[in-house]
Structure formats: C-alpha cells, structure tokens
Amino acid sequence: MTAIEDLSYSQALEELESIVASLRGNNCDVDTLAARTARAAALLEACRTRLTLTETQLAEILEKLES
C-alpha cells in the first residue's frame, strides 16, 4: 500500500472511491473493515488538505494578477 503522501490527488481520490464502492457493495471483509475505513478517512483528509492548499494558491495568483 502506497503511503498517502506519495499519492497524487487523483490517485488518492481513486483509491478513496474504490474503498467507498467496496463498502457500499458489501464487498469488504469484516477483518479488514476497520483498516479500510481508517485508510479512507486518511485519504479524505489528504484530499481536503490538497484542495484547500490549491484554493489558497489560486487565490494568491489571482490576487497578484489583479494588482
């Protein structure tokens, strides 16, 4: 399993979507449920952090263009 910090945003989102799909489809083994849920939570946090960072960077760029 790749460390979350080594994944691109797209890779993290893809893995998160895969985990959610398996949980919704009842394809998740009870023995791995907690670990998969924890991984999904960490991936979600990483995606949110990257989106917030990107939003801040874009705001700074646009502000510079307006000055």
N, C-alpha and C. Protein backbone atom coordinates (compact mmCIF):
# COMPACT_ATOMS: atom_id res chain seq x y z
N MET A 1 0.85 -1.17 0.00
CA MET A 1 0.00 0.00 0.00
C MET A 1 0.89 1.24 0.00
N THR A 2 0.64 2.13 -0.92
CA THR A 2 1.43 3.34 -1.06
C THR A 2 1.11 4.33 0.06
N ALA A 3 2.15 4.97 0.57
CA ALA A 3 1.93 6.00 1.59
C ALA A 3 1.09 7.12 0.98
N ILE A 4 0.17 7.65 1.75
CA ILE A 4 -0.75 8.67 1.24
C ILE A 4 0.00 9.89 0.73
N GLU A 5 1.04 10.30 1.42
CA GLU A 5 1.79 11.48 1.00
C GLU A 5 2.50 11.29 -0.34
N ASP A 6 2.64 10.04 -0.77
CA ASP A 6 3.28 9.75 -2.06
C ASP A 6 2.27 9.67 -3.21
N LEU A 7 0.99 9.75 -2.90
CA LEU A 7 -0.04 9.68 -3.94
C LEU A 7 -0.36 11.06 -4.48
N SER A 8 -0.66 11.12 -5.76
CA SER A 8 -1.19 12.36 -6.32
C SER A 8 -2.62 12.51 -5.83
N TYR A 9 -3.19 13.69 -6.03
CA TYR A 9 -4.58 13.91 -5.65
C TYR A 9 -5.48 12.91 -6.38
N SER A 10 -5.25 12.74 -7.67
CA SER A 10 -6.07 11.83 -8.46
C SER A 10 -5.96 10.40 -7.98
N GLN A 11 -4.77 9.97 -7.63
CA GLN A 11 -4.59 8.61 -7.13
C GLN A 11 -5.29 8.42 -5.79
N ALA A 12 -5.17 9.42 -4.91
CA ALA A 12 -5.81 9.34 -3.61
C ALA A 12 -7.33 9.28 -3.76
N LEU A 13 -7.86 10.11 -4.64
CA LEU A 13 -9.30 10.14 -4.87
C LEU A 13 -9.78 8.81 -5.47
N GLU A 14 -9.02 8.27 -6.39
CA GLU A 14 -9.38 6.99 -7.00
C GLU A 14 -9.41 5.87 -5.96
N GLU A 15 -8.40 5.84 -5.09
CA GLU A 15 -8.37 4.82 -4.05
C GLU A 15 -9.53 5.01 -3.07
N LEU A 16 -9.81 6.25 -2.72
CA LEU A 16 -10.93 6.54 -1.83
C LEU A 16 -12.25 6.07 -2.44
N GLU A 17 -12.46 6.37 -3.70
CA GLU A 17 -13.68 5.94 -4.39
C GLU A 17 -13.78 4.42 -4.43
N SER A 18 -12.67 3.75 -4.61
CA SER A 18 -12.65 2.29 -4.63
C SER A 18 -13.04 1.71 -3.28
N ILE A 19 -12.52 2.29 -2.22
CA ILE A 19 -12.86 1.82 -0.87
C ILE A 19 -14.34 2.04 -0.59
N VAL A 20 -14.83 3.22 -0.92
CA VAL A 20 -16.24 3.52 -0.69
C VAL A 20 -17.13 2.56 -1.48
N ALA A 21 -16.77 2.30 -2.73
CA ALA A 21 -17.56 1.38 -3.55
C ALA A 21 -17.58 -0.02 -2.95
N SER A 22 -16.45 -0.47 -2.45
CA SER A 22 -16.42 -1.81 -1.86
C SER A 22 -17.23 -1.86 -0.57
N LEU A 23 -17.23 -0.78 0.20
CA LEU A 23 -18.02 -0.75 1.43
C LEU A 23 -19.52 -0.72 1.11
N ARG A 24 -19.89 0.03 0.11
CA ARG A 24 -21.30 0.12 -0.29
C ARG A 24 -21.79 -1.19 -0.89
N GLY A 25 -20.92 -1.88 -1.57
CA GLY A 25 -21.30 -3.12 -2.24
C GLY A 25 -21.19 -4.35 -1.35
N ASN A 26 -20.92 -4.12 -0.09
CA ASN A 26 -20.76 -5.23 0.86
C ASN A 26 -19.65 -6.19 0.44
N ASN A 27 -18.64 -5.67 -0.24
CA ASN A 27 -17.52 -6.49 -0.69
C ASN A 27 -16.33 -6.43 0.27
N CYS A 28 -16.55 -5.88 1.44
CA CYS A 28 -15.45 -5.70 2.37
C CYS A 28 -15.51 -6.76 3.47
N ASP A 29 -14.41 -7.42 3.63
CA ASP A 29 -14.27 -8.43 4.67
C ASP A 29 -14.30 -7.76 6.04
N VAL A 30 -15.01 -8.32 6.96
CA VAL A 30 -15.12 -7.78 8.32
C VAL A 30 -13.73 -7.62 8.95
N ASP A 31 -12.84 -8.52 8.62
CA ASP A 31 -11.49 -8.48 9.20
C ASP A 31 -10.69 -7.27 8.75
N THR A 32 -11.06 -6.68 7.63
CA THR A 32 -10.32 -5.51 7.12
C THR A 32 -11.15 -4.23 7.16
N LEU A 33 -12.37 -4.31 7.68
CA LEU A 33 -13.27 -3.16 7.67
C LEU A 33 -12.69 -1.96 8.39
N ALA A 34 -12.18 -2.14 9.59
CA ALA A 34 -11.64 -1.02 10.35
C ALA A 34 -10.43 -0.40 9.65
N ALA A 35 -9.55 -1.23 9.13
CA ALA A 35 -8.36 -0.72 8.45
C ALA A 35 -8.73 0.04 7.18
N ARG A 36 -9.69 -0.48 6.43
CA ARG A 36 -10.12 0.20 5.19
C ARG A 36 -10.82 1.51 5.50
N THR A 37 -11.61 1.52 6.57
CA THR A 37 -12.28 2.75 6.96
C THR A 37 -11.27 3.80 7.42
N ALA A 38 -10.26 3.39 8.16
CA ALA A 38 -9.20 4.31 8.59
C ALA A 38 -8.43 4.84 7.39
N ARG A 39 -8.14 3.99 6.44
CA ARG A 39 -7.44 4.42 5.22
C ARG A 39 -8.29 5.42 4.46
N ALA A 40 -9.58 5.14 4.34
CA ALA A 40 -10.49 6.05 3.64
C ALA A 40 -10.53 7.41 4.33
N ALA A 41 -10.57 7.42 5.64
CA ALA A 41 -10.59 8.68 6.39
C ALA A 41 -9.30 9.46 6.15
N ALA A 42 -8.18 8.78 6.15
CA ALA A 42 -6.89 9.45 5.91
C ALA A 42 -6.80 9.98 4.47
N LEU A 43 -7.31 9.22 3.52
CA LEU A 43 -7.33 9.68 2.13
C LEU A 43 -8.23 10.90 1.97
N LEU A 44 -9.38 10.88 2.63
CA LEU A 44 -10.29 12.01 2.57
C LEU A 44 -9.65 13.26 3.14
N GLU A 45 -8.99 13.12 4.26
CA GLU A 45 -8.30 14.25 4.88
C GLU A 45 -7.20 14.79 3.95
N ALA A 46 -6.45 13.91 3.33
CA ALA A 46 -5.39 14.33 2.42
C ALA A 46 -5.96 15.07 1.21
N CYS A 47 -7.06 14.57 0.67
CA CYS A 47 -7.70 15.24 -0.48
C CYS A 47 -8.21 16.62 -0.09
N ARG A 48 -8.84 16.72 1.06
CA ARG A 48 -9.34 18.02 1.52
C ARG A 48 -8.20 19.00 1.73
N THR A 49 -7.10 18.53 2.31
CA THR A 49 -5.94 19.39 2.54
C THR A 49 -5.38 19.90 1.22
N ARG A 50 -5.28 19.02 0.23
CA ARG A 50 -4.74 19.44 -1.07
C ARG A 50 -5.67 20.42 -1.77
N LEU A 51 -6.97 20.21 -1.64
CA LEU A 51 -7.93 21.14 -2.24
C LEU A 51 -7.84 22.52 -1.58
N THR A 52 -7.70 22.54 -0.28
CA THR A 52 -7.58 23.81 0.44
C THR A 52 -6.30 24.53 0.04
N LEU A 53 -5.21 23.79 -0.05
CA LEU A 53 -3.94 24.38 -0.46
C LEU A 53 -4.03 24.94 -1.87
N THR A 54 -4.64 24.19 -2.76
CA THR A 54 -4.79 24.65 -4.14
C THR A 54 -5.66 25.89 -4.21
N GLU A 55 -6.72 25.92 -3.43
CA GLU A 55 -7.61 27.09 -3.39
C GLU A 55 -6.85 28.32 -2.92
N THR A 56 -6.02 28.16 -1.91
CA THR A 56 -5.21 29.27 -1.39
C THR A 56 -4.21 29.75 -2.45
N GLN A 57 -3.56 28.81 -3.11
CA GLN A 57 -2.59 29.17 -4.15
C GLN A 57 -3.26 29.90 -5.30
N LEU A 58 -4.43 29.42 -5.71
CA LEU A 58 -5.15 30.10 -6.80
C LEU A 58 -5.58 31.50 -6.40
N ALA A 59 -6.04 31.66 -5.18
CA ALA A 59 -6.43 32.99 -4.69
C ALA A 59 -5.24 33.94 -4.71
N GLU A 60 -4.07 33.46 -4.31
CA GLU A 60 -2.86 34.28 -4.32
C GLU A 60 -2.47 34.66 -5.75
N ILE A 61 -2.56 33.72 -6.66
CA ILE A 61 -2.23 34.00 -8.05
C ILE A 61 -3.18 35.03 -8.64
N LEU A 62 -4.46 34.85 -8.40
CA LEU A 62 -5.46 35.79 -8.92
C LEU A 62 -5.30 37.16 -8.31
N GLU A 63 -4.95 37.21 -7.04
CA GLU A 63 -4.73 38.49 -6.38
C GLU A 63 -3.55 39.22 -7.01
N LYS A 64 -2.48 38.50 -7.34
CA LYS A 64 -1.33 39.11 -7.99
C LYS A 64 -1.69 39.63 -9.38
N LEU A 65 -2.54 38.90 -10.07
CA LEU A 65 -2.95 39.33 -11.41
C LEU A 65 -3.79 40.60 -11.36
N GLU A 66 -4.56 40.77 -10.30
CA GLU A 66 -5.42 41.92 -10.16
C GLU A 66 -4.67 43.19 -9.72
N SER A 67 -3.46 43.02 -9.17
CA SER A 67 -2.72 44.20 -8.71
C SER A 67 -1.94 44.87 -9.80
